[in-house]
């Protein structure tokens, strides 16, 4: 499983939510 990829995806989602997108 690509745990790193999942973590990266979550980080991106978190960033988008933080910026308001």
N, C-alpha and C. Protein backbone atom coordinates (compact mmCIF):
# COMPACT_ATOMS: atom_id res chain seq x y z
N UNK A 1 0.85 -1.21 0.00
CA UNK A 1 0.00 0.00 0.00
C UNK A 1 0.87 1.24 0.00
N UNK A 2 0.42 2.28 -0.66
CA UNK A 2 1.18 3.53 -0.71
C UNK A 2 0.73 4.46 0.41
N UNK A 3 1.24 4.18 1.61
CA UNK A 3 0.86 5.00 2.76
C UNK A 3 1.34 6.44 2.57
N UNK A 4 2.55 6.59 2.03
CA UNK A 4 3.10 7.92 1.84
C UNK A 4 2.19 8.73 0.91
N UNK A 5 1.74 8.09 -0.16
CA UNK A 5 0.86 8.77 -1.11
C UNK A 5 -0.43 9.21 -0.43
N UNK A 6 -0.97 8.32 0.41
CA UNK A 6 -2.21 8.66 1.12
C UNK A 6 -1.99 9.85 2.04
N UNK A 7 -0.87 9.84 2.76
CA UNK A 7 -0.55 10.95 3.66
C UNK A 7 -0.43 12.25 2.87
N UNK A 8 0.23 12.17 1.73
CA UNK A 8 0.40 13.35 0.88
C UNK A 8 -0.96 13.86 0.43
N UNK A 9 -1.83 12.93 0.01
CA UNK A 9 -3.17 13.30 -0.42
C UNK A 9 -3.93 14.00 0.70
N UNK A 10 -3.83 13.46 1.90
CA UNK A 10 -4.51 14.06 3.06
C UNK A 10 -3.98 15.46 3.32
N UNK A 11 -2.65 15.61 3.20
CA UNK A 11 -2.04 16.93 3.42
C UNK A 11 -2.59 17.92 2.39
N UNK A 12 -2.71 17.49 1.15
CA UNK A 12 -3.22 18.37 0.11
C UNK A 12 -4.66 18.77 0.43
N UNK A 13 -5.47 17.79 0.80
CA UNK A 13 -6.86 18.07 1.17
C UNK A 13 -6.91 19.09 2.31
N UNK A 14 -6.04 18.89 3.29
CA UNK A 14 -5.99 19.78 4.44
C UNK A 14 -5.65 21.21 3.99
N UNK A 15 -4.68 21.31 3.07
CA UNK A 15 -4.26 22.62 2.57
C UNK A 15 -5.40 23.29 1.83
N UNK A 16 -6.08 22.53 0.99
CA UNK A 16 -7.19 23.11 0.22
C UNK A 16 -8.26 23.65 1.16
N UNK A 17 -8.54 22.89 2.23
CA UNK A 17 -9.56 23.32 3.19
C UNK A 17 -9.09 24.58 3.92
N UNK A 18 -7.80 24.65 4.19
CA UNK A 18 -7.25 25.80 4.92
C UNK A 18 -7.33 27.06 4.06
N UNK A 19 -7.12 26.89 2.75
CA UNK A 19 -7.12 28.06 1.86
C UNK A 19 -8.55 28.47 1.49
N UNK A 20 -9.51 27.59 1.77
CA UNK A 20 -10.91 27.92 1.48
C UNK A 20 -11.41 27.29 0.20
N UNK A 21 -10.57 26.49 -0.46
CA UNK A 21 -11.01 25.83 -1.69
C UNK A 21 -11.58 24.46 -1.34
